[in-house]
Amino acid sequence: MICGEPGVKRVVYTITDCIGINVFKTDSTDLDEIEKQITEEDDTSMFDIRLQLKIPSIEQMKG
């Protein structure tokens, strides 16, 4: 098991199939509130927390 402090980024390299699970403690039951508690916005990332591109595609910029 890998335990880390808040804000720590982790990288794992596997040579076989692997399942990764993150467990977060919260007293909230509101999914939007939980999302705000456990995620951090990264201005340098090309993707948002739902893995959608933050930068518009060339087709969107043309039209």
PDB file of N, CA and C in Angstrom:
ATOM      1  N   MET A   1       0.847  -1.175   0.000  1.00  0.00           N
ATOM      2  CA  MET A   1       0.000   0.000   0.000  1.00  0.00           C
ATOM      3  C   MET A   1       0.893   1.237   0.000  1.00  0.00           C
ATOM      4  N   ILE A   2       0.497   2.248  -0.772  1.00  0.00           N
ATOM      5  CA  ILE A   2       1.205   3.523  -0.839  1.00  0.00           C
ATOM      6  C   ILE A   2       0.342   4.575  -0.142  1.00  0.00           C
ATOM      7  N   CYS A   3       0.868   5.197   0.894  1.00  0.00           N
ATOM      8  CA  CYS A   3       0.156   6.270   1.586  1.00  0.00           C
ATOM      9  C   CYS A   3       0.880   7.579   1.309  1.00  0.00           C
ATOM     10  N   GLY A   4       0.146   8.640   1.077  1.00  0.00           N
ATOM     11  CA  GLY A   4       0.773   9.921   0.779  1.00  0.00           C
ATOM     12  C   GLY A   4       0.048  11.075   1.430  1.00  0.00           C
ATOM     13  N   GLU A   5       0.754  12.163   1.566  1.00  0.00           N
ATOM     14  CA  GLU A   5       0.189  13.393   2.102  1.00  0.00           C
ATOM     15  C   GLU A   5      -0.641  14.093   1.020  1.00  0.00           C
ATOM     16  N   PRO A   6      -1.556  14.981   1.411  1.00  0.00           N
ATOM     17  CA  PRO A   6      -2.337  15.728   0.422  1.00  0.00           C
ATOM     18  C   PRO A   6      -1.424  16.491  -0.547  1.00  0.00           C
ATOM     19  N   GLY A   7      -1.779  16.459  -1.821  1.00  0.00           N
ATOM     20  CA  GLY A   7      -1.017  17.176  -2.837  1.00  0.00           C
ATOM     21  C   GLY A   7       0.093  16.369  -3.484  1.00  0.00           C
ATOM     22  N   VAL A   8       0.369  15.186  -2.964  1.00  0.00           N
ATOM     23  CA  VAL A   8       1.441  14.357  -3.506  1.00  0.00           C
ATOM     24  C   VAL A   8       0.974  13.720  -4.809  1.00  0.00           C
ATOM     25  N   LYS A   9       1.841  13.736  -5.820  1.00  0.00           N
ATOM     26  CA  LYS A   9       1.537  13.066  -7.086  1.00  0.00           C
ATOM     27  C   LYS A   9       2.254  11.726  -7.095  1.00  0.00           C
ATOM     28  N   ARG A  10       1.610  10.710  -7.641  1.00  0.00           N
ATOM     29  CA  ARG A  10       2.177   9.372  -7.656  1.00  0.00           C
ATOM     30  C   ARG A  10       2.261   8.850  -9.087  1.00  0.00           C
ATOM     31  N   VAL A  11       3.279   8.072  -9.348  1.00  0.00           N
ATOM     32  CA  VAL A  11       3.430   7.403 -10.636  1.00  0.00           C
ATOM     33  C   VAL A  11       3.759   5.950 -10.348  1.00  0.00           C
ATOM     34  N   VAL A  12       3.093   5.048 -11.053  1.00  0.00           N
ATOM     35  CA  VAL A  12       3.352   3.626 -10.880  1.00  0.00           C
ATOM     36  C   VAL A  12       3.601   3.024 -12.248  1.00  0.00           C
ATOM     37  N   TYR A  13       4.630   2.210 -12.354  1.00  0.00           N
ATOM     38  CA  TYR A  13       4.938   1.498 -13.598  1.00  0.00           C
ATOM     39  C   TYR A  13       4.739   0.019 -13.336  1.00  0.00           C
ATOM     40  N   THR A  14       3.914  -0.643 -14.143  1.00  0.00           N
ATOM     41  CA  THR A  14       3.688  -2.075 -13.970  1.00  0.00           C
ATOM     42  C   THR A  14       4.039  -2.810 -15.251  1.00  0.00           C
ATOM     43  N   ILE A  15       4.434  -4.050 -15.105  1.00  0.00           N
ATOM     44  CA  ILE A  15       4.734  -4.870 -16.282  1.00  0.00           C
ATOM     45  C   ILE A  15       3.644  -5.912 -16.517  1.00  0.00           C
ATOM     46  N   THR A  16       2.640  -5.923 -15.649  1.00  0.00           N
ATOM     47  CA  THR A  16       1.480  -6.798 -15.821  1.00  0.00           C
ATOM     48  C   THR A  16       0.224  -5.958 -15.598  1.00  0.00           C
ATOM     49  N   ASP A  17      -0.938  -6.538 -15.874  1.00  0.00           N
ATOM     50  CA  ASP A  17      -2.199  -5.845 -15.604  1.00  0.00           C
ATOM     51  C   ASP A  17      -2.279  -5.493 -14.120  1.00  0.00           C
ATOM     52  N   CYS A  18      -2.886  -4.368 -13.836  1.00  0.00           N
ATOM     53  CA  CYS A  18      -2.930  -3.884 -12.467  1.00  0.00           C
ATOM     54  C   CYS A  18      -4.212  -3.088 -12.246  1.00  0.00           C
ATOM     55  N   ILE A  19      -4.739  -3.120 -11.045  1.00  0.00           N
ATOM     56  CA  ILE A  19      -5.891  -2.302 -10.673  1.00  0.00           C
ATOM     57  C   ILE A  19      -5.442  -1.356  -9.578  1.00  0.00           C
ATOM     58  N   GLY A  20      -5.703  -0.066  -9.780  1.00  0.00           N
ATOM     59  CA  GLY A  20      -5.356   0.935  -8.779  1.00  0.00           C
ATOM     60  C   GLY A  20      -6.611   1.476  -8.132  1.00  0.00           C
ATOM     61  N   ILE A  21      -6.569   1.640  -6.824  1.00  0.00           N
ATOM     62  CA  ILE A  21      -7.719   2.147  -6.089  1.00  0.00           C
ATOM     63  C   ILE A  21      -7.250   3.256  -5.163  1.00  0.00           C
ATOM     64  N   ASN A  22      -7.965   4.378  -5.179  1.00  0.00           N
ATOM     65  CA  ASN A  22      -7.718   5.470  -4.230  1.00  0.00           C
ATOM     66  C   ASN A  22      -8.865   5.484  -3.233  1.00  0.00           C
ATOM     67  N   VAL A  23      -8.526   5.656  -1.971  1.00  0.00           N
ATOM     68  CA  VAL A  23      -9.530   5.725  -0.906  1.00  0.00           C
ATOM     69  C   VAL A  23      -9.356   7.056  -0.193  1.00  0.00           C
ATOM     70  N   PHE A  24     -10.446   7.815  -0.064  1.00  0.00           N
ATOM     71  CA  PHE A  24     -10.425   9.121   0.585  1.00  0.00           C
ATOM     72  C   PHE A  24     -11.452   9.138   1.701  1.00  0.00           C
ATOM     73  N   LYS A  25     -11.082   9.683   2.850  1.00  0.00           N
ATOM     74  CA  LYS A  25     -12.019   9.808   3.964  1.00  0.00           C
ATOM     75  C   LYS A  25     -12.765  11.131   3.849  1.00  0.00           C
ATOM     76  N   THR A  26     -14.078  11.077   3.982  1.00  0.00           N
ATOM     77  CA  THR A  26     -14.897  12.282   3.984  1.00  0.00           C
ATOM     78  C   THR A  26     -16.178  12.014   4.762  1.00  0.00           C
ATOM     79  N   ASP A  27     -16.714  13.050   5.367  1.00  0.00           N
ATOM     80  CA  ASP A  27     -18.002  12.939   6.047  1.00  0.00           C
ATOM     81  C   ASP A  27     -19.146  13.414   5.146  1.00  0.00           C
ATOM     82  N   SER A  28     -18.804  13.965   3.988  1.00  0.00           N
ATOM     83  CA  SER A  28     -19.803  14.506   3.065  1.00  0.00           C
ATOM     84  C   SER A  28     -20.482  13.371   2.296  1.00  0.00           C
ATOM     85  N   THR A  29     -21.745  13.594   1.924  1.00  0.00           N
ATOM     86  CA  THR A  29     -22.468  12.658   1.066  1.00  0.00           C
ATOM     87  C   THR A  29     -22.831  13.292  -0.275  1.00  0.00           C
ATOM     88  N   ASP A  30     -22.475  14.553  -0.465  1.00  0.00           N
ATOM     89  CA  ASP A  30     -22.748  15.284  -1.701  1.00  0.00           C
ATOM     90  C   ASP A  30     -21.563  15.085  -2.657  1.00  0.00           C
ATOM     91  N   LEU A  31     -21.799  14.436  -3.799  1.00  0.00           N
ATOM     92  CA  LEU A  31     -20.715  14.113  -4.721  1.00  0.00           C
ATOM     93  C   LEU A  31     -19.969  15.347  -5.220  1.00  0.00           C
ATOM     94  N   ASP A  32     -20.664  16.440  -5.482  1.00  0.00           N
ATOM     95  CA  ASP A  32     -19.990  17.661  -5.936  1.00  0.00           C
ATOM     96  C   ASP A  32     -19.059  18.201  -4.849  1.00  0.00           C
ATOM     97  N   GLU A  33     -19.488  18.149  -3.605  1.00  0.00           N
ATOM     98  CA  GLU A  33     -18.660  18.608  -2.487  1.00  0.00           C
ATOM     99  C   GLU A  33     -17.449  17.689  -2.297  1.00  0.00           C
ATOM    100  N   ILE A  34     -17.661  16.393  -2.418  1.00  0.00           N
ATOM    101  CA  ILE A  34     -16.551  15.441  -2.295  1.00  0.00           C
ATOM    102  C   ILE A  34     -15.530  15.687  -3.391  1.00  0.00           C
ATOM    103  N   GLU A  35     -16.007  15.921  -4.620  1.00  0.00           N
ATOM    104  CA  GLU A  35     -15.104  16.206  -5.741  1.00  0.00           C
ATOM    105  C   GLU A  35     -14.244  17.424  -5.446  1.00  0.00           C
ATOM    106  N   LYS A  36     -14.843  18.473  -4.892  1.00  0.00           N
ATOM    107  CA  LYS A  36     -14.083  19.679  -4.547  1.00  0.00           C
ATOM    108  C   LYS A  36     -13.049  19.395  -3.464  1.00  0.00           C
ATOM    109  N   GLN A  37     -13.385  18.508  -2.517  1.00  0.00           N
ATOM    110  CA  GLN A  37     -12.481  18.198  -1.418  1.00  0.00           C
ATOM    111  C   GLN A  37     -11.264  17.394  -1.868  1.00  0.00           C
ATOM    112  N   ILE A  38     -11.433  16.468  -2.825  1.00  0.00           N
ATOM    113  CA  ILE A  38     -10.352  15.531  -3.132  1.00  0.00           C
ATOM    114  C   ILE A  38      -9.606  15.844  -4.425  1.00  0.00           C
ATOM    115  N   THR A  39     -10.024  16.863  -5.152  1.00  0.00           N
ATOM    116  CA  THR A  39      -9.323  17.219  -6.386  1.00  0.00           C
ATOM    117  C   THR A  39      -8.702  18.603  -6.269  1.00  0.00           C
ATOM    118  N   GLU A  40      -7.704  18.832  -7.099  1.00  0.00           N
ATOM    119  CA  GLU A  40      -7.026  20.123  -7.120  1.00  0.00           C
ATOM    120  C   GLU A  40      -6.855  20.547  -8.575  1.00  0.00           C
ATOM    121  N   GLU A  41      -7.251  21.752  -8.894  1.00  0.00           N
ATOM    122  CA  GLU A  41      -7.137  22.266 -10.257  1.00  0.00           C
ATOM    123  C   GLU A  41      -5.660  22.429 -10.623  1.00  0.00           C
ATOM    124  N   ASP A  42      -5.295  21.978 -11.806  1.00  0.00           N
ATOM    125  CA  ASP A  42      -3.923  22.097 -12.299  1.00  0.00           C
ATOM    126  C   ASP A  42      -3.957  22.949 -13.566  1.00  0.00           C
ATOM    127  N   ASP A  43      -3.533  24.196 -13.451  1.00  0.00           N
ATOM    128  CA  ASP A  43      -3.590  25.120 -14.586  1.00  0.00           C
ATOM    129  C   ASP A  43      -2.696  24.690 -15.744  1.00  0.00           C
ATOM    130  N   THR A  44      -1.681  23.858 -15.486  1.00  0.00           N
ATOM    131  CA  THR A  44      -0.761  23.447 -16.550  1.00  0.00           C
ATOM    132  C   THR A  44      -1.238  22.187 -17.277  1.00  0.00           C
ATOM    133  N   SER A  45      -2.269  21.535 -16.756  1.00  0.00           N
ATOM    134  CA  SER A  45      -2.762  20.308 -17.365  1.00  0.00           C
ATOM    135  C   SER A  45      -3.593  20.612 -18.608  1.00  0.00           C
ATOM    136  N   MET A  46      -3.478  19.741 -19.616  1.00  0.00           N
ATOM    137  CA  MET A  46      -4.292  19.888 -20.823  1.00  0.00           C
ATOM    138  C   MET A  46      -5.702  19.340 -20.607  1.00  0.00           C
ATOM    139  N   PHE A  47      -5.899  18.546 -19.541  1.00  0.00           N
ATOM    140  CA  PHE A  47      -7.174  17.881 -19.306  1.00  0.00           C
ATOM    141  C   PHE A  47      -7.763  18.309 -17.967  1.00  0.00           C
ATOM    142  N   ASP A  48      -9.099  18.297 -17.875  1.00  0.00           N
ATOM    143  CA  ASP A  48      -9.747  18.582 -16.595  1.00  0.00           C
ATOM    144  C   ASP A  48      -9.886  17.276 -15.813  1.00  0.00           C
ATOM    145  N   ILE A  49     -10.552  17.318 -14.651  1.00  0.00           N
ATOM    146  CA  ILE A  49     -10.625  16.123 -13.808  1.00  0.00           C
ATOM    147  C   ILE A  49     -11.485  15.019 -14.411  1.00  0.00           C
ATOM    148  N   ARG A  50     -12.251  15.339 -15.439  1.00  0.00           N
ATOM    149  CA  ARG A  50     -13.044  14.319 -16.134  1.00  0.00           C
ATOM    150  C   ARG A  50     -12.366  13.860 -17.428  1.00  0.00           C
ATOM    151  N   LEU A  51     -11.070  14.199 -17.560  1.00  0.00           N
ATOM    152  CA  LEU A  51     -10.236  13.825 -18.701  1.00  0.00           C
ATOM    153  C   LEU A  51     -10.727  14.416 -20.023  1.00  0.00           C
ATOM    154  N   GLN A  52     -11.367  15.569 -19.955  1.00  0.00           N
ATOM    155  CA  GLN A  52     -11.787  16.309 -21.142  1.00  0.00           C
ATOM    156  C   GLN A  52     -10.739  17.376 -21.430  1.00  0.00           C
ATOM    157  N   LEU A  53     -10.420  17.586 -22.694  1.00  0.00           N
ATOM    158  CA  LEU A  53      -9.447  18.608 -23.060  1.00  0.00           C
ATOM    159  C   LEU A  53      -9.901  19.983 -22.607  1.00  0.00           C
ATOM    160  N   LYS A  54      -9.019  20.713 -21.946  1.00  0.00           N
ATOM    161  CA  LYS A  54      -9.332  22.088 -21.547  1.00  0.00           C
ATOM    162  C   LYS A  54      -9.174  23.030 -22.728  1.00  0.00           C
ATOM    163  N   ILE A  55      -8.266  22.685 -23.638  1.00  0.00           N
ATOM    164  CA  ILE A  55      -7.950  23.542 -24.778  1.00  0.00           C
ATOM    165  C   ILE A  55      -8.897  23.181 -25.926  1.00  0.00           C
ATOM    166  N   PRO A  56      -9.566  24.157 -26.510  1.00  0.00           N
ATOM    167  CA  PRO A  56     -10.477  23.844 -27.619  1.00  0.00           C
ATOM    168  C   PRO A  56      -9.732  23.233 -28.804  1.00  0.00           C
ATOM    169  N   SER A  57     -10.389  22.329 -29.500  1.00  0.00           N
ATOM    170  CA  SER A  57      -9.779  21.724 -30.679  1.00  0.00           C
ATOM    171  C   SER A  57      -9.700  22.748 -31.812  1.00  0.00           C
ATOM    172  N   ILE A  58      -8.911  22.446 -32.821  1.00  0.00           N
ATOM    173  CA  ILE A  58      -8.755  23.347 -33.971  1.00  0.00           C
ATOM    174  C   ILE A  58     -10.098  23.536 -34.659  1.00  0.00           C
ATOM    175  N   GLU A  59     -10.903  22.454 -34.743  1.00  0.00           N
ATOM    176  CA  GLU A  59     -12.213  22.557 -35.383  1.00  0.00           C
ATOM    177  C   GLU A  59     -13.116  23.530 -34.627  1.00  0.00           C
ATOM    178  N   GLN A  60     -13.074  23.504 -33.280  1.00  0.00           N
ATOM    179  CA  GLN A  60     -13.882  24.423 -32.488  1.00  0.00           C
ATOM    180  C   GLN A  60     -13.404  25.859 -32.673  1.00  0.00           C
ATOM    181  N   MET A  61     -12.105  26.049 -32.827  1.00  0.00           N
ATOM    182  CA  MET A  61     -11.550  27.402 -32.971  1.00  0.00           C
ATOM    183  C   MET A  61     -11.901  27.988 -34.326  1.00  0.00           C
ATOM    184  N   LYS A  62     -12.054  27.141 -35.357  1.00  0.00           N
ATOM    185  CA  LYS A  62     -12.392  27.609 -36.698  1.00  0.00           C
ATOM    186  C   LYS A  62     -13.842  28.084 -36.776  1.00  0.00           C
ATOM    187  N   GLY A  63     -14.711  27.393 -36.027  1.00  0.00           N
ATOM    188  CA  GLY A  63     -16.104  27.603 -36.253  1.00  0.00           C
ATOM    189  C   GLY A  63     -16.856  28.476 -35.387  1.00  0.00           C
TER     190      GLY A  63
END
